[in-house]
Amino acid sequence: MIGMLAVVTTGCARDNDKRKEKKVEKKQKTETMNTIALTKADFLKRVADYEKSPAEWKYLGDKPALVDFYASWCGPCKALAPVLEELAAEYGDQIYIYKVNTEEEQELAATFGIRSIPTLLFIPMEGKPQIAQGALPKAMLKKAIDDVMLGK
């Protein structure tokens, strides 16, 4: 069902209004560029409902996604987290970057056979998702996102 990824500012009032508008715009952009935490229920609605279709992968999203299976105590996961935030900002509305805490979502982690963290699930719009394990360097992550998810 899932393949492995080989990863090698004229007037004061007007200015004030403009500043407020810019803050709102910036806040909205920031909110859309952060990684998104998922629970099992969120995963079933936004990514794939594997309970309804256990034998077939059917991605439910409207743009490609990267799912990071992690744990709060994991050193490599902590090192990868800011890199994923940077990628979420760089790619903006092109992709989703989701995070699944394997300690809180053990059933979800077990369903995907997560035995090592971090584990990354790269989900393109077409085709099967691919998995990579370990805290990959940013350049390798970008290459995988471009190649696997965006087909560049």
Protein backbone atom coordinates (compact mmCIF):
# COMPACT_ATOMS: atom_id res chain seq x y z
CA MET A 1 0.00 0.00 0.00
CA ILE A 2 2.84 2.41 0.82
CA GLY A 3 6.23 2.44 -0.86
CA MET A 4 9.58 3.25 0.69
CA LEU A 5 11.27 6.47 -0.40
CA ALA A 6 14.88 6.28 -1.37
CA VAL A 7 16.22 9.51 -0.07
CA VAL A 8 19.46 10.23 -1.02
CA THR A 9 2.90 52.99 5.26
CA THR A 10 -0.52 59.86 4.26
CA GLY A 11 -2.56 60.23 7.43
CA CYS A 12 -2.08 58.81 10.86
CA ALA A 13 -5.45 57.07 10.94
CA ARG A 14 -4.96 55.64 7.48
CA ASP A 15 -1.47 54.36 8.33
CA ASN A 16 -2.79 52.80 11.50
CA ASP A 17 -5.51 51.03 9.51
CA LYS A 18 -2.95 49.79 7.00
CA ARG A 19 -0.76 48.47 9.80
CA LYS A 20 -3.73 46.64 11.28
CA GLU A 21 -4.56 45.16 7.86
CA LYS A 22 -0.95 44.04 7.39
CA LYS A 23 -0.93 42.43 10.83
CA VAL A 24 -4.12 40.53 10.02
CA GLU A 25 -2.72 39.45 6.63
CA LYS A 26 0.55 38.39 8.22
CA LYS A 27 -1.28 36.48 10.96
CA GLN A 28 -3.44 34.69 8.38
CA LYS A 29 -0.40 33.77 6.28
CA THR A 30 1.44 32.53 9.35
CA GLU A 31 -1.50 30.37 10.35
CA THR A 32 -1.59 28.70 6.96
CA MET A 33 2.14 28.08 6.89
CA ASN A 34 2.60 26.19 10.14
CA THR A 35 2.70 22.51 10.61
CA ILE A 36 -0.65 21.02 11.68
CA ALA A 37 -1.03 18.56 14.54
CA LEU A 38 -3.29 15.61 13.77
CA THR A 39 -5.24 13.24 15.97
CA LYS A 40 -6.53 9.94 14.65
CA ALA A 41 -9.96 11.54 14.02
CA ASP A 42 -8.30 14.39 12.08
CA PHE A 43 -6.24 11.90 10.10
CA LEU A 44 -9.35 9.94 9.13
CA LYS A 45 -11.05 13.16 7.88
CA ARG A 46 -8.10 14.96 6.27
CA VAL A 47 -5.66 12.33 5.11
CA ALA A 48 -7.09 8.85 4.66
CA ASP A 49 -9.97 6.91 6.19
CA TYR A 50 -8.23 3.59 6.46
CA GLU A 51 -11.06 2.24 8.61
CA LYS A 52 -13.57 2.48 5.72
CA SER A 53 -11.08 1.31 3.10
CA PRO A 54 -8.41 -0.77 4.83
CA ALA A 55 -7.21 -2.50 1.67
CA GLU A 56 -7.03 0.60 -0.56
CA TRP A 57 -5.14 3.91 -0.14
CA LYS A 58 -7.38 6.90 -0.94
CA TYR A 59 -5.93 10.32 -0.08
CA LEU A 60 -8.64 12.79 1.04
CA GLY A 61 -6.63 16.04 0.86
CA ASP A 62 -6.78 18.83 -1.71
CA LYS A 63 -3.00 19.25 -1.98
CA PRO A 64 -0.02 17.01 -1.29
CA ALA A 65 0.93 16.32 2.31
CA LEU A 66 3.87 15.33 4.45
CA VAL A 67 3.09 13.57 7.72
CA ASP A 68 5.74 13.56 10.45
CA PHE A 69 5.32 10.76 12.97
CA TYR A 70 7.26 11.93 16.05
CA ALA A 71 7.51 11.84 19.85
CA SER A 72 8.18 14.78 22.20
CA TRP A 73 11.11 12.99 23.88
CA CYS A 74 12.88 12.10 20.63
CA GLY A 75 16.07 14.11 19.96
CA PRO A 76 16.11 13.71 16.16
CA CYS A 77 12.38 14.63 16.13
CA LYS A 78 13.15 17.84 18.05
CA ALA A 79 15.91 18.65 15.55
CA LEU A 80 13.58 18.03 12.59
CA ALA A 81 10.66 20.14 13.93
CA PRO A 82 12.10 23.62 13.07
CA VAL A 83 13.12 22.36 9.62
CA LEU A 84 9.53 21.25 8.97
CA GLU A 85 8.26 24.68 10.15
CA GLU A 86 10.68 26.34 7.68
CA LEU A 87 9.45 24.08 4.89
CA ALA A 88 5.82 24.83 5.77
CA ALA A 89 6.63 28.56 5.41
CA GLU A 90 8.60 28.07 2.18
CA TYR A 91 6.03 25.91 0.44
CA GLY A 92 3.05 27.86 1.83
CA ASP A 93 -0.20 26.79 0.24
CA GLN A 94 1.38 24.16 -2.04
CA ILE A 95 1.44 21.40 0.58
CA TYR A 96 0.28 20.45 4.06
CA ILE A 97 2.77 19.43 6.70
CA TYR A 98 1.10 17.39 9.41
CA LYS A 99 2.51 16.07 12.68
CA VAL A 100 1.34 12.97 14.53
CA ASN A 101 2.54 12.46 18.09
CA THR A 102 3.08 8.71 18.28
CA GLU A 103 2.83 8.70 22.09
CA GLU A 104 -0.67 10.23 21.96
CA GLU A 105 -1.80 8.46 18.79
CA GLN A 106 -0.45 4.97 19.33
CA GLU A 107 -3.18 3.27 17.31
CA LEU A 108 -2.48 5.50 14.31
CA ALA A 109 1.26 4.86 14.60
CA ALA A 110 0.65 1.12 14.82
CA THR A 111 -1.61 1.19 11.76
CA PHE A 112 1.28 2.61 9.72
CA GLY A 113 3.83 0.30 11.29
CA ILE A 114 5.85 3.13 12.82
CA ARG A 115 8.76 1.47 14.61
CA SER A 116 11.34 4.23 14.31
CA ILE A 117 10.89 7.97 14.74
CA PRO A 118 10.92 10.33 13.10
CA THR A 119 9.15 8.63 10.22
CA LEU A 120 7.94 10.80 7.34
CA LEU A 121 5.03 9.91 5.08
CA PHE A 122 5.17 11.75 1.72
CA ILE A 123 1.71 11.85 0.11
CA PRO A 124 1.31 13.01 -3.50
CA MET A 125 -2.08 13.82 -5.02
CA GLU A 126 -1.76 10.88 -7.39
CA GLY A 127 -0.18 7.58 -6.64
CA LYS A 128 0.92 5.89 -3.48
CA PRO A 129 2.55 7.57 -0.50
CA GLN A 130 6.15 6.87 0.33
CA ILE A 131 7.87 6.56 3.70
CA ALA A 132 11.31 7.71 4.85
CA GLN A 133 12.80 7.19 8.29
CA GLY A 134 15.11 9.48 10.24
CA ALA A 135 15.76 13.20 10.55
CA LEU A 136 16.62 14.00 6.97
CA PRO A 137 18.56 17.16 6.06
CA LYS A 138 16.50 20.06 4.69
CA ALA A 139 17.93 19.67 1.17
CA MET A 140 16.86 16.01 1.04
CA LEU A 141 13.40 16.88 2.35
CA LYS A 142 13.01 19.58 -0.33
CA LYS A 143 14.09 17.14 -3.02
CA ALA A 144 11.60 14.54 -1.81
CA ILE A 145 8.80 17.13 -1.61
CA ASP A 146 9.57 18.38 -5.12
CA ASP A 147 10.04 14.93 -6.65
CA VAL A 148 7.48 12.77 -4.85
CA MET A 149 4.75 15.21 -3.80
CA LEU A 150 4.88 18.01 -6.38
CA GLY A 151 6.27 16.09 -9.35
CA LYS A 152 8.76 18.83 -10.26
